[in-house]
Amino acid sequence: MARKSIIARQTKRAKLIAKFAEKRKELKEAGDYAALDKLPKNASPVRHRNRCALTGRGRGFISAFGISRIKFRDLASIGKIPGVTKASW
């Protein structure tokens, strides 16, 4: 599990991204890169990191389910994810 501080930092970034999204769009369309540079760095959507909803793991994220590969395998093995079955042939 990721540290609580890392998860909190990520949620804080997500709020900043949502707050400045419209302003960033207007400045980009106007071509005012000097003003764009003065916005907070964490307001950039590039800084957003996809994290597992259950554990906060940053790597091995499966975007279709919103969880990491490890939790996906655990939940799929016990049948908690609808429509997902273990392959056997």
C-alpha atoms as a PDB file:
ATOM      1  CA  MET A   1       0.000   0.000   0.000  1.00  0.00           C
ATOM      2  CA  ALA A   2       1.235   3.452  -0.870  1.00  0.00           C
ATOM      3  CA  ARG A   3       1.936   5.867   1.932  1.00  0.00           C
ATOM      4  CA  LYS A   4      -0.992   8.033   2.998  1.00  0.00           C
ATOM      5  CA  SER A   5       1.007  11.180   2.217  1.00  0.00           C
ATOM      6  CA  ILE A   6       1.483  10.133  -1.416  1.00  0.00           C
ATOM      7  CA  ILE A   7      -2.228   9.417  -1.827  1.00  0.00           C
ATOM      8  CA  ALA A   8      -3.100  12.755  -0.181  1.00  0.00           C
ATOM      9  CA  ARG A   9      -0.655  14.585  -2.453  1.00  0.00           C
ATOM     10  CA  GLN A  10      -2.263  12.996  -5.495  1.00  0.00           C
ATOM     11  CA  THR A  11      -5.782  14.025  -4.443  1.00  0.00           C
ATOM     12  CA  LYS A  12      -4.511  17.560  -3.844  1.00  0.00           C
ATOM     13  CA  ARG A  13      -3.073  17.604  -7.375  1.00  0.00           C
ATOM     14  CA  ALA A  14      -6.369  16.355  -8.798  1.00  0.00           C
ATOM     15  CA  LYS A  15      -8.203  19.265  -7.153  1.00  0.00           C
ATOM     16  CA  LEU A  16      -5.694  21.784  -8.540  1.00  0.00           C
ATOM     17  CA  ILE A  17      -5.998  20.301 -12.031  1.00  0.00           C
ATOM     18  CA  ALA A  18      -9.786  20.639 -11.902  1.00  0.00           C
ATOM     19  CA  LYS A  19      -9.575  24.167 -10.493  1.00  0.00           C
ATOM     20  CA  PHE A  20      -7.239  25.536 -13.186  1.00  0.00           C
ATOM     21  CA  ALA A  21      -8.439  23.478 -16.174  1.00  0.00           C
ATOM     22  CA  GLU A  22     -10.538  26.240 -17.705  1.00  0.00           C
ATOM     23  CA  LYS A  23      -7.911  28.925 -17.140  1.00  0.00           C
ATOM     24  CA  ARG A  24      -5.182  26.723 -18.657  1.00  0.00           C
ATOM     25  CA  LYS A  25      -7.360  26.114 -21.709  1.00  0.00           C
ATOM     26  CA  GLU A  26      -7.974  29.842 -22.233  1.00  0.00           C
ATOM     27  CA  LEU A  27      -4.290  30.722 -21.856  1.00  0.00           C
ATOM     28  CA  LYS A  28      -3.223  27.990 -24.260  1.00  0.00           C
ATOM     29  CA  GLU A  29      -5.721  29.146 -26.891  1.00  0.00           C
ATOM     30  CA  ALA A  30      -4.499  32.732 -26.490  1.00  0.00           C
ATOM     31  CA  GLY A  31      -0.878  31.603 -26.708  1.00  0.00           C
ATOM     32  CA  ASP A  32       0.055  33.391 -23.476  1.00  0.00           C
ATOM     33  CA  TYR A  33       2.772  31.054 -22.286  1.00  0.00           C
ATOM     34  CA  ALA A  34       4.228  33.573 -19.828  1.00  0.00           C
ATOM     35  CA  ALA A  35       0.976  33.627 -17.848  1.00  0.00           C
ATOM     36  CA  LEU A  36       0.661  29.864 -18.237  1.00  0.00           C
ATOM     37  CA  ASP A  37       4.075  29.472 -16.634  1.00  0.00           C
ATOM     38  CA  LYS A  38       2.918  31.450 -13.586  1.00  0.00           C
ATOM     39  CA  LEU A  39       0.190  28.930 -12.756  1.00  0.00           C
ATOM     40  CA  PRO A  40       1.018  26.293 -10.125  1.00  0.00           C
ATOM     41  CA  LYS A  41       3.094  23.439 -11.538  1.00  0.00           C
ATOM     42  CA  ASN A  42       0.790  20.852  -9.979  1.00  0.00           C
ATOM     43  CA  ALA A  43      -2.117  22.313 -11.958  1.00  0.00           C
ATOM     44  CA  SER A  44      -0.741  20.675 -15.079  1.00  0.00           C
ATOM     45  CA  PRO A  45      -2.571  17.459 -16.045  1.00  0.00           C
ATOM     46  CA  VAL A  46       0.756  15.866 -16.960  1.00  0.00           C
ATOM     47  CA  ARG A  47       1.581  15.623 -13.270  1.00  0.00           C
ATOM     48  CA  HIS A  48      -1.448  13.426 -12.566  1.00  0.00           C
ATOM     49  CA  ARG A  49      -0.584   9.808 -11.828  1.00  0.00           C
ATOM     50  CA  ASN A  50      -3.119   7.010 -12.133  1.00  0.00           C
ATOM     51  CA  ARG A  51      -3.287   5.101  -8.870  1.00  0.00           C
ATOM     52  CA  CYS A  52      -5.086   1.988  -7.680  1.00  0.00           C
ATOM     53  CA  ALA A  53      -8.350   2.875  -5.949  1.00  0.00           C
ATOM     54  CA  LEU A  54      -7.818   0.165  -3.325  1.00  0.00           C
ATOM     55  CA  THR A  55      -4.117   0.331  -2.498  1.00  0.00           C
ATOM     56  CA  GLY A  56      -2.794   3.541  -4.043  1.00  0.00           C
ATOM     57  CA  ARG A  57      -0.184   1.668  -6.076  1.00  0.00           C
ATOM     58  CA  GLY A  58       1.142   3.818  -8.910  1.00  0.00           C
ATOM     59  CA  ARG A  59       2.528   1.137 -11.198  1.00  0.00           C
ATOM     60  CA  GLY A  60       0.701  -1.643 -12.978  1.00  0.00           C
ATOM     61  CA  PHE A  61      -2.529   0.343 -13.193  1.00  0.00           C
ATOM     62  CA  ILE A  62      -5.332  -1.156 -15.309  1.00  0.00           C
ATOM     63  CA  SER A  63      -7.375   1.837 -16.431  1.00  0.00           C
ATOM     64  CA  ALA A  64     -10.456  -0.109 -17.486  1.00  0.00           C
ATOM     65  CA  PHE A  65     -10.966  -1.249 -13.882  1.00  0.00           C
ATOM     66  CA  GLY A  66      -9.211   1.509 -11.931  1.00  0.00           C
ATOM     67  CA  ILE A  67      -7.109  -0.906  -9.893  1.00  0.00           C
ATOM     68  CA  SER A  68      -3.588  -2.301  -9.981  1.00  0.00           C
ATOM     69  CA  ARG A  69      -2.665  -5.567 -11.655  1.00  0.00           C
ATOM     70  CA  ILE A  70      -2.104  -7.258  -8.294  1.00  0.00           C
ATOM     71  CA  LYS A  71      -5.535  -6.399  -6.898  1.00  0.00           C
ATOM     72  CA  PHE A  72      -7.092  -7.205 -10.274  1.00  0.00           C
ATOM     73  CA  ARG A  73      -5.678 -10.709 -10.138  1.00  0.00           C
ATOM     74  CA  ASP A  74      -6.767 -11.225  -6.526  1.00  0.00           C
ATOM     75  CA  LEU A  75     -10.319 -10.051  -7.182  1.00  0.00           C
ATOM     76  CA  ALA A  76     -10.617 -11.918 -10.485  1.00  0.00           C
ATOM     77  CA  SER A  77      -9.451 -15.162  -8.881  1.00  0.00           C
ATOM     78  CA  ILE A  78     -12.199 -15.091  -6.292  1.00  0.00           C
ATOM     79  CA  GLY A  79     -14.837 -13.943  -8.803  1.00  0.00           C
ATOM     80  CA  LYS A  80     -15.410 -10.403  -7.531  1.00  0.00           C
ATOM     81  CA  ILE A  81     -15.048  -8.760 -10.962  1.00  0.00           C
ATOM     82  CA  PRO A  82     -18.093  -9.453 -13.166  1.00  0.00           C
ATOM     83  CA  GLY A  83     -17.342 -10.862 -16.592  1.00  0.00           C
ATOM     84  CA  VAL A  84     -13.726 -11.759 -15.828  1.00  0.00           C
ATOM     85  CA  THR A  85     -12.755 -15.403 -15.629  1.00  0.00           C
ATOM     86  CA  LYS A  86      -9.435 -17.135 -15.441  1.00  0.00           C
ATOM     87  CA  ALA A  87      -8.311 -18.503 -18.778  1.00  0.00           C
ATOM     88  CA  SER A  88      -7.900 -22.260 -19.030  1.00  0.00           C
ATOM     89  CA  TRP A  89      -7.383 -24.412 -22.092  1.00  0.00           C
END
